[in-house]
């Protein structure tokens, strides 16, 4: 009889590397919890950076540089939204990233749709809408997804 390897066990530390250190996980969770009081301010700071990038596009025009900055701000929120307790923001920012991901087509993206994404992110923070299961969050995401899909992004 040939015993198949248990690749999952190896990936979670049950192989040669030893078991997962539960105390290390507990320390990491405690550290994250101690920082969670700052999450609201940090999220507001990230949203302000996104808004500043949008204002730069309006002031300086739709250029490769202004759109790159806008993309990077959206990408940051895509990564941080769920960490800060707003998976809805991660989802909306991810859609915005998808819309303006292609550098060659970035300057052709419709500004009203970009604005809709940014306004949806700001509304989620303002109204404390954290999850896609919230009726307003669900409606926002569905409409934004539909519009992005229409553009083939």
N, C-alpha and C. Protein backbone atom coordinates (compact mmCIF):
# COMPACT_ATOMS: atom_id res chain seq x y z
N UNK A 1 0.84 -1.17 0.00
CA UNK A 1 0.00 0.00 0.00
C UNK A 1 0.90 1.24 0.00
N UNK A 2 0.56 2.19 -0.88
CA UNK A 2 1.30 3.44 -0.94
C UNK A 2 0.50 4.49 -0.19
N UNK A 3 1.15 5.13 0.76
CA UNK A 3 0.49 6.16 1.56
C UNK A 3 0.67 7.51 0.86
N UNK A 4 -0.43 8.17 0.45
CA UNK A 4 -0.30 9.48 -0.19
C UNK A 4 0.17 10.53 0.81
N UNK A 5 0.93 11.50 0.30
CA UNK A 5 1.41 12.55 1.19
C UNK A 5 0.25 13.47 1.55
N UNK A 6 0.35 14.08 2.69
CA UNK A 6 -0.67 15.03 3.14
C UNK A 6 -0.10 16.44 2.95
N UNK A 7 -0.30 16.98 1.75
CA UNK A 7 0.26 18.29 1.42
C UNK A 7 -0.33 19.38 2.29
N UNK A 8 -1.60 19.25 2.66
CA UNK A 8 -2.21 20.25 3.50
C UNK A 8 -1.51 20.33 4.85
N UNK A 9 -1.19 19.20 5.43
CA UNK A 9 -0.50 19.18 6.71
C UNK A 9 0.83 19.91 6.61
N UNK A 10 1.54 19.72 5.53
CA UNK A 10 2.81 20.40 5.34
C UNK A 10 2.62 21.91 5.24
N UNK A 11 1.57 22.32 4.55
CA UNK A 11 1.33 23.75 4.35
C UNK A 11 0.94 24.47 5.63
N UNK A 12 0.32 23.78 6.56
CA UNK A 12 -0.07 24.42 7.81
C UNK A 12 0.90 24.13 8.95
N UNK A 13 2.06 23.62 8.61
CA UNK A 13 3.10 23.47 9.62
C UNK A 13 3.15 22.12 10.30
N UNK A 14 2.41 21.14 9.82
CA UNK A 14 2.40 19.84 10.47
C UNK A 14 3.47 18.90 9.97
N UNK A 15 4.32 19.34 9.13
CA UNK A 15 5.37 18.49 8.57
C UNK A 15 6.69 18.71 9.28
N UNK A 16 7.74 18.80 8.51
CA UNK A 16 9.08 18.95 9.05
C UNK A 16 9.26 20.21 9.88
N UNK A 17 8.47 21.24 9.62
CA UNK A 17 8.66 22.51 10.29
C UNK A 17 8.02 22.56 11.67
N UNK A 18 7.25 21.57 12.02
CA UNK A 18 6.60 21.55 13.33
C UNK A 18 5.22 22.14 13.27
N UNK A 19 4.54 22.13 14.38
CA UNK A 19 3.17 22.60 14.46
C UNK A 19 3.12 24.12 14.53
N UNK A 20 1.96 24.66 14.25
CA UNK A 20 1.75 26.09 14.36
C UNK A 20 1.82 26.48 15.83
N UNK A 21 2.54 27.54 16.10
CA UNK A 21 2.71 28.01 17.47
C UNK A 21 1.49 28.82 17.88
N UNK A 22 0.63 28.23 18.69
CA UNK A 22 -0.60 28.88 19.10
C UNK A 22 -0.33 30.16 19.89
N UNK A 23 0.75 30.19 20.64
CA UNK A 23 1.05 31.39 21.42
C UNK A 23 1.46 32.55 20.50
N UNK A 24 2.14 32.23 19.40
CA UNK A 24 2.52 33.27 18.44
C UNK A 24 1.28 33.86 17.78
N UNK A 25 0.32 32.99 17.46
CA UNK A 25 -0.93 33.47 16.87
C UNK A 25 -1.68 34.33 17.87
N UNK A 26 -1.73 33.92 19.10
CA UNK A 26 -2.41 34.69 20.14
C UNK A 26 -1.76 36.05 20.33
N UNK A 27 -0.44 36.11 20.29
CA UNK A 27 0.28 37.38 20.41
C UNK A 27 -0.04 38.30 19.24
N UNK A 28 -0.08 37.73 18.04
CA UNK A 28 -0.38 38.53 16.85
C UNK A 28 -1.80 39.07 16.92
N UNK A 29 -2.74 38.24 17.36
CA UNK A 29 -4.13 38.69 17.48
C UNK A 29 -4.26 39.77 18.54
N UNK A 30 -3.54 39.64 19.64
CA UNK A 30 -3.58 40.65 20.69
C UNK A 30 -2.99 41.97 20.19
N UNK A 31 -1.90 41.88 19.43
CA UNK A 31 -1.29 43.09 18.88
C UNK A 31 -2.25 43.79 17.93
N UNK A 32 -2.91 43.02 17.09
CA UNK A 32 -3.87 43.59 16.15
C UNK A 32 -5.04 44.23 16.90
N UNK A 33 -5.50 43.57 17.95
CA UNK A 33 -6.60 44.12 18.73
C UNK A 33 -6.21 45.42 19.41
N UNK A 34 -4.97 45.50 19.89
CA UNK A 34 -4.53 46.72 20.55
C UNK A 34 -4.43 47.89 19.57
N UNK A 35 -4.23 47.58 18.29
CA UNK A 35 -4.15 48.63 17.28
C UNK A 35 -5.52 49.01 16.71
N UNK A 36 -6.52 48.17 16.95
CA UNK A 36 -7.82 48.36 16.30
C UNK A 36 -8.48 49.69 16.66
N UNK A 37 -8.11 50.28 17.77
CA UNK A 37 -8.65 51.59 18.13
C UNK A 37 -8.23 52.68 17.15
N UNK A 38 -7.14 52.44 16.44
CA UNK A 38 -6.63 53.41 15.45
C UNK A 38 -7.22 53.19 14.07
N UNK A 39 -7.92 52.09 13.86
CA UNK A 39 -8.38 51.72 12.52
C UNK A 39 -9.26 52.80 11.89
N UNK A 40 -10.16 53.38 12.65
CA UNK A 40 -11.07 54.38 12.08
C UNK A 40 -10.28 55.57 11.54
N UNK A 41 -9.31 56.04 12.31
CA UNK A 41 -8.51 57.18 11.85
C UNK A 41 -7.66 56.80 10.64
N UNK A 42 -7.07 55.62 10.68
CA UNK A 42 -6.24 55.19 9.55
C UNK A 42 -7.08 55.03 8.28
N UNK A 43 -8.29 54.49 8.44
CA UNK A 43 -9.17 54.34 7.29
C UNK A 43 -9.55 55.71 6.72
N UNK A 44 -9.89 56.64 7.60
CA UNK A 44 -10.21 57.99 7.15
C UNK A 44 -9.03 58.63 6.43
N UNK A 45 -7.82 58.38 6.92
CA UNK A 45 -6.61 58.90 6.27
C UNK A 45 -6.47 58.33 4.86
N UNK A 46 -6.73 57.05 4.69
CA UNK A 46 -6.62 56.41 3.38
C UNK A 46 -7.69 56.94 2.42
N UNK A 47 -8.90 57.14 2.94
CA UNK A 47 -9.98 57.68 2.11
C UNK A 47 -9.64 59.12 1.70
N UNK A 48 -9.05 59.88 2.61
CA UNK A 48 -8.63 61.26 2.28
C UNK A 48 -7.57 61.25 1.18
N UNK A 49 -6.67 60.29 1.20
CA UNK A 49 -5.65 60.17 0.14
C UNK A 49 -6.31 59.85 -1.20
N UNK A 50 -7.31 58.97 -1.17
CA UNK A 50 -8.04 58.65 -2.39
C UNK A 50 -8.76 59.88 -2.93
N UNK A 51 -9.38 60.63 -2.05
CA UNK A 51 -10.08 61.85 -2.45
C UNK A 51 -9.08 62.87 -3.00
N UNK A 52 -7.92 62.99 -2.39
CA UNK A 52 -6.90 63.92 -2.88
C UNK A 52 -6.43 63.50 -4.28
N UNK A 53 -6.33 62.21 -4.51
CA UNK A 53 -5.94 61.72 -5.84
C UNK A 53 -7.03 62.07 -6.86
N UNK A 54 -8.28 61.95 -6.47
CA UNK A 54 -9.38 62.32 -7.37
C UNK A 54 -9.32 63.81 -7.68
N UNK A 55 -9.08 64.62 -6.66
CA UNK A 55 -9.00 66.07 -6.87
C UNK A 55 -7.83 66.44 -7.77
N UNK A 56 -6.73 65.69 -7.68
CA UNK A 56 -5.57 65.93 -8.56
C UNK A 56 -5.94 65.63 -10.01
N UNK A 57 -6.73 64.58 -10.21
CA UNK A 57 -7.19 64.26 -11.57
C UNK A 57 -8.05 65.41 -12.09
N UNK A 58 -8.92 65.92 -11.26
CA UNK A 58 -9.78 67.03 -11.68
C UNK A 58 -8.97 68.30 -11.96
N UNK A 59 -7.99 68.57 -11.12
CA UNK A 59 -7.20 69.79 -11.25
C UNK A 59 -6.18 69.72 -12.39
N UNK A 60 -5.51 68.59 -12.49
CA UNK A 60 -4.40 68.45 -13.45
C UNK A 60 -4.79 67.70 -14.71
N UNK A 61 -6.00 67.15 -14.73
CA UNK A 61 -6.46 66.41 -15.89
C UNK A 61 -6.19 64.93 -15.77
N UNK A 62 -6.79 64.19 -16.68
CA UNK A 62 -6.61 62.74 -16.72
C UNK A 62 -5.31 62.46 -17.46
N UNK A 63 -4.28 62.16 -16.70
CA UNK A 63 -2.98 61.84 -17.27
C UNK A 63 -2.52 60.50 -16.73
N UNK A 64 -1.47 59.98 -17.32
CA UNK A 64 -0.93 58.71 -16.84
C UNK A 64 -0.51 58.84 -15.37
N UNK A 65 0.09 59.97 -15.01
CA UNK A 65 0.56 60.16 -13.63
C UNK A 65 -0.59 60.31 -12.63
N UNK A 66 -1.58 61.13 -12.96
CA UNK A 66 -2.67 61.32 -12.01
C UNK A 66 -3.49 60.05 -11.85
N UNK A 67 -3.66 59.32 -12.93
CA UNK A 67 -4.43 58.07 -12.85
C UNK A 67 -3.63 56.97 -12.14
N UNK A 68 -2.32 56.99 -12.27
CA UNK A 68 -1.49 56.03 -11.53
C UNK A 68 -1.63 56.26 -10.02
N UNK A 69 -1.60 57.51 -9.63
CA UNK A 69 -1.76 57.83 -8.20
C UNK A 69 -3.14 57.40 -7.71
N UNK A 70 -4.16 57.66 -8.50
CA UNK A 70 -5.51 57.24 -8.14
C UNK A 70 -5.57 55.72 -8.00
N UNK A 71 -4.97 55.02 -8.95
CA UNK A 71 -4.96 53.56 -8.90
C UNK A 71 -4.26 53.07 -7.62
N UNK A 72 -3.12 53.65 -7.31
CA UNK A 72 -2.37 53.21 -6.12
C UNK A 72 -3.16 53.45 -4.84
N UNK A 73 -3.87 54.57 -4.75
CA UNK A 73 -4.71 54.84 -3.57
C UNK A 73 -5.85 53.83 -3.46
N UNK A 74 -6.47 53.51 -4.60
CA UNK A 74 -7.54 52.51 -4.60
C UNK A 74 -6.98 51.14 -4.22
N UNK A 75 -5.80 50.83 -4.71
CA UNK A 75 -5.18 49.54 -4.41
C UNK A 75 -4.87 49.43 -2.93
N UNK A 76 -4.41 50.51 -2.32
CA UNK A 76 -4.16 50.51 -0.87
C UNK A 76 -5.45 50.20 -0.11
N UNK A 77 -6.54 50.85 -0.49
CA UNK A 77 -7.81 50.59 0.18
C UNK A 77 -8.32 49.18 -0.06
N UNK A 78 -8.04 48.66 -1.23
CA UNK A 78 -8.43 47.28 -1.52
C UNK A 78 -7.78 46.34 -0.51
N UNK A 79 -6.53 46.61 -0.19
CA UNK A 79 -5.82 45.76 0.76
C UNK A 79 -6.15 46.04 2.21
N UNK A 80 -6.53 47.26 2.53
CA UNK A 80 -6.72 47.64 3.93
C UNK A 80 -8.16 47.64 4.41
N UNK A 81 -9.11 47.71 3.51
CA UNK A 81 -10.51 47.81 3.92
C UNK A 81 -10.93 46.73 4.89
N UNK A 82 -10.71 45.48 4.52
CA UNK A 82 -11.12 44.37 5.40
C UNK A 82 -10.31 44.37 6.70
N UNK A 83 -9.05 44.72 6.62
CA UNK A 83 -8.22 44.78 7.82
C UNK A 83 -8.79 45.78 8.81
N UNK A 84 -9.31 46.88 8.28
CA UNK A 84 -9.89 47.92 9.14
C UNK A 84 -11.36 47.65 9.47
N UNK A 85 -11.85 46.47 9.11
CA UNK A 85 -13.21 46.09 9.47
C UNK A 85 -14.26 46.47 8.44
N UNK A 86 -13.85 46.80 7.22
CA UNK A 86 -14.77 47.20 6.17
C UNK A 86 -14.55 46.35 4.92
N UNK A 87 -15.00 45.10 4.93
CA UNK A 87 -14.84 44.28 3.72
C UNK A 87 -15.56 44.88 2.51
N UNK A 88 -16.60 45.68 2.75
CA UNK A 88 -17.29 46.34 1.65
C UNK A 88 -16.33 47.28 0.90
N UNK A 89 -15.51 48.00 1.64
CA UNK A 89 -14.55 48.91 1.01
C UNK A 89 -13.52 48.12 0.20
N UNK A 90 -13.09 46.99 0.73
CA UNK A 90 -12.17 46.15 -0.03
C UNK A 90 -12.81 45.76 -1.36
N UNK A 91 -14.06 45.41 -1.34
CA UNK A 91 -14.77 44.98 -2.56
C UNK A 91 -14.91 46.13 -3.55
N UNK A 92 -15.32 47.30 -3.07
CA UNK A 92 -15.52 48.45 -3.96
C UNK A 92 -14.18 48.93 -4.51
N UNK A 93 -13.18 49.01 -3.66
CA UNK A 93 -11.85 49.43 -4.13
C UNK A 93 -11.29 48.42 -5.12
N UNK A 94 -11.58 47.14 -4.91
CA UNK A 94 -11.16 46.12 -5.86
C UNK A 94 -11.80 46.31 -7.22
N UNK A 95 -13.07 46.70 -7.23
CA UNK A 95 -13.76 46.99 -8.49
C UNK A 95 -13.14 48.21 -9.18
N UNK A 96 -12.83 49.22 -8.39
CA UNK A 96 -12.19 50.41 -8.96
C UNK A 96 -10.83 50.05 -9.54
N UNK A 97 -10.08 49.23 -8.83
CA UNK A 97 -8.79 48.78 -9.36
C UNK A 97 -8.98 48.03 -10.68
N UNK A 98 -9.97 47.18 -10.74
CA UNK A 98 -10.24 46.43 -11.96
C UNK A 98 -10.58 47.38 -13.11
N UNK A 99 -11.32 48.42 -12.81
CA UNK A 99 -11.72 49.39 -13.81
C UNK A 99 -10.52 50.13 -14.40
N UNK A 100 -9.54 50.44 -13.56
CA UNK A 100 -8.39 51.25 -14.02
C UNK A 100 -7.08 50.49 -13.93
N UNK A 101 -7.15 49.18 -13.94
CA UNK A 101 -5.96 48.34 -13.80
C UNK A 101 -5.03 48.42 -15.01
N UNK A 102 -5.58 48.41 -16.18
CA UNK A 102 -4.78 48.39 -17.40
C UNK A 102 -4.22 49.79 -17.68
N UNK A 103 -2.90 49.93 -17.54
CA UNK A 103 -2.27 51.24 -17.73
C UNK A 103 -2.56 51.83 -19.11
N UNK A 104 -2.63 50.99 -20.10
CA UNK A 104 -2.85 51.48 -21.47
C UNK A 104 -4.25 52.06 -21.65
N UNK A 105 -5.22 51.58 -20.84
CA UNK A 105 -6.60 52.03 -20.98
C UNK A 105 -7.06 52.91 -19.82
N UNK A 106 -6.19 53.10 -18.86
CA UNK A 106 -6.55 53.80 -17.63
C UNK A 106 -7.13 55.19 -17.87
N UNK A 107 -6.53 55.92 -18.79
CA UNK A 107 -6.99 57.29 -19.03
C UNK A 107 -8.32 57.34 -19.78
N UNK A 108 -8.77 56.20 -20.30
CA UNK A 108 -10.06 56.15 -20.99
C UNK A 108 -11.22 55.78 -20.07
N UNK A 109 -10.92 55.43 -18.85
CA UNK A 109 -11.98 55.03 -17.91
C UNK A 109 -12.91 56.23 -17.67
N UNK A 110 -14.21 55.98 -17.64
CA UNK A 110 -15.15 57.09 -17.45
C UNK A 110 -15.08 57.67 -16.03
N UNK A 111 -14.79 58.96 -15.96
CA UNK A 111 -14.66 59.61 -14.65
C UNK A 111 -15.93 59.51 -13.83
N UNK A 112 -17.13 59.59 -14.41
CA UNK A 112 -18.33 59.44 -13.56
C UNK A 112 -18.39 58.08 -12.84
N UNK A 113 -17.90 57.03 -13.49
CA UNK A 113 -17.89 55.72 -12.84
C UNK A 113 -16.80 55.65 -11.77
N UNK A 114 -15.67 56.27 -12.03
CA UNK A 114 -14.62 56.36 -11.01
C UNK A 114 -15.16 57.13 -9.81
N UNK A 115 -15.83 58.25 -10.08
CA UNK A 115 -16.42 59.04 -8.99
C UNK A 115 -17.43 58.22 -8.20
N UNK A 116 -18.23 57.41 -8.88
CA UNK A 116 -19.23 56.59 -8.19
C UNK A 116 -18.56 55.62 -7.22
N UNK A 117 -17.43 55.05 -7.61
CA UNK A 117 -16.70 54.15 -6.71
C UNK A 117 -16.19 54.90 -5.49
N UNK A 118 -15.57 56.05 -5.73
CA UNK A 118 -15.01 56.82 -4.61
C UNK A 118 -16.12 57.31 -3.70
N UNK A 119 -17.21 57.76 -4.28
CA UNK A 119 -18.34 58.22 -3.45
C UNK A 119 -18.94 57.06 -2.65
N UNK A 120 -18.98 55.87 -3.23
CA UNK A 120 -19.49 54.70 -2.51
C UNK A 120 -18.58 54.35 -1.33
N UNK A 121 -17.27 54.45 -1.53
CA UNK A 121 -16.33 54.19 -0.44
C UNK A 121 -16.54 55.21 0.68
N UNK A 122 -16.65 56.47 0.31
CA UNK A 122 -16.86 57.53 1.31
C UNK A 122 -18.18 57.33 2.05
N UNK A 123 -19.22 56.93 1.33
CA UNK A 123 -20.52 56.70 1.96
C UNK A 123 -20.45 55.53 2.93
N UNK A 124 -19.73 54.49 2.56
CA UNK A 124 -19.59 53.33 3.45
C UNK A 124 -18.93 53.73 4.76
N UNK A 125 -17.90 54.55 4.67
CA UNK A 125 -17.22 55.00 5.90
C UNK A 125 -18.15 55.92 6.69
N UNK A 126 -18.73 56.88 6.01
CA UNK A 126 -19.59 57.86 6.68
C UNK A 126 -20.76 57.19 7.41
N UNK A 127 -21.38 56.22 6.74
CA UNK A 127 -22.58 55.59 7.29
C UNK A 127 -22.29 54.27 8.00
N UNK A 128 -21.01 53.96 8.16
CA UNK A 128 -20.57 52.75 8.86
C UNK A 128 -21.17 51.48 8.25
N UNK A 129 -21.16 51.43 6.92
CA UNK A 129 -21.65 50.25 6.21
C UNK A 129 -20.43 49.39 5.92
N UNK A 130 -20.31 48.32 6.67
CA UNK A 130 -19.08 47.54 6.63
C UNK A 130 -19.10 46.35 5.70
N UNK A 131 -20.27 45.78 5.48
CA UNK A 131 -20.34 44.49 4.81
C UNK A 131 -21.26 44.53 3.60
N UNK A 132 -21.00 43.64 2.67
CA UNK A 132 -21.80 43.53 1.45
C UNK A 132 -23.21 43.02 1.78
N UNK A 133 -23.39 42.41 2.91
CA UNK A 133 -24.72 41.90 3.28
C UNK A 133 -25.66 43.02 3.72
N UNK A 134 -25.12 44.19 4.02
CA UNK A 134 -25.96 45.35 4.34
C UNK A 134 -26.75 45.70 3.08
N UNK A 135 -28.04 45.99 3.19
CA UNK A 135 -28.84 46.24 1.98
C UNK A 135 -28.27 47.35 1.08
N UNK A 136 -27.81 48.42 1.66
CA UNK A 136 -27.23 49.50 0.86
C UNK A 136 -25.89 49.06 0.27
N UNK A 137 -25.09 48.39 1.07
CA UNK A 137 -23.81 47.89 0.56
C UNK A 137 -23.99 46.93 -0.59
N UNK A 138 -24.97 46.06 -0.45
CA UNK A 138 -25.25 45.09 -1.50
C UNK A 138 -25.69 45.79 -2.79
N UNK A 139 -26.57 46.76 -2.67
CA UNK A 139 -27.05 47.50 -3.85
C UNK A 139 -25.90 48.25 -4.52
N UNK A 140 -25.05 48.88 -3.72
CA UNK A 140 -23.91 49.61 -4.27
C UNK A 140 -22.99 48.68 -5.06
N UNK A 141 -22.63 47.58 -4.45
CA UNK A 141 -21.70 46.65 -5.09
C UNK A 141 -22.32 46.07 -6.37
N UNK A 142 -23.56 45.68 -6.31
CA UNK A 142 -24.20 45.10 -7.49
C UNK A 142 -24.22 46.08 -8.65
N UNK A 143 -24.55 47.32 -8.38
CA UNK A 143 -24.60 48.32 -9.44
C UNK A 143 -23.20 48.62 -9.99
N UNK A 144 -22.23 48.76 -9.11
CA UNK A 144 -20.87 49.03 -9.57
C UNK A 144 -20.32 47.85 -10.37
N UNK A 145 -20.59 46.64 -9.91
CA UNK A 145 -20.15 45.45 -10.65
C UNK A 145 -20.77 45.41 -12.04
N UNK A 146 -22.05 45.74 -12.12
CA UNK A 146 -22.74 45.74 -13.40
C UNK A 146 -22.11 46.75 -14.36
N UNK A 147 -21.83 47.95 -13.84
CA UNK A 147 -21.27 49.00 -14.69
C UNK A 147 -19.84 48.66 -15.15
N UNK A 148 -19.05 48.11 -14.25
CA UNK A 148 -17.68 47.72 -14.61
C UNK A 148 -17.73 46.59 -15.65
N UNK A 149 -18.62 45.64 -15.46
CA UNK A 149 -18.75 44.52 -16.40
C UNK A 149 -19.19 45.02 -17.78
N UNK A 150 -20.06 46.01 -17.83
CA UNK A 150 -20.50 46.57 -19.11
C UNK A 150 -19.33 47.11 -19.92
N UNK A 151 -18.32 47.60 -19.22
CA UNK A 151 -17.14 48.15 -19.90
C UNK A 151 -16.12 47.06 -20.27
N UNK A 152 -16.41 45.85 -19.82
CA UNK A 152 -15.49 44.75 -20.13
C UNK A 152 -14.25 44.72 -19.26
N UNK A 153 -14.31 45.43 -18.15
CA UNK A 153 -13.15 45.45 -17.23
C UNK A 153 -13.25 44.33 -16.23
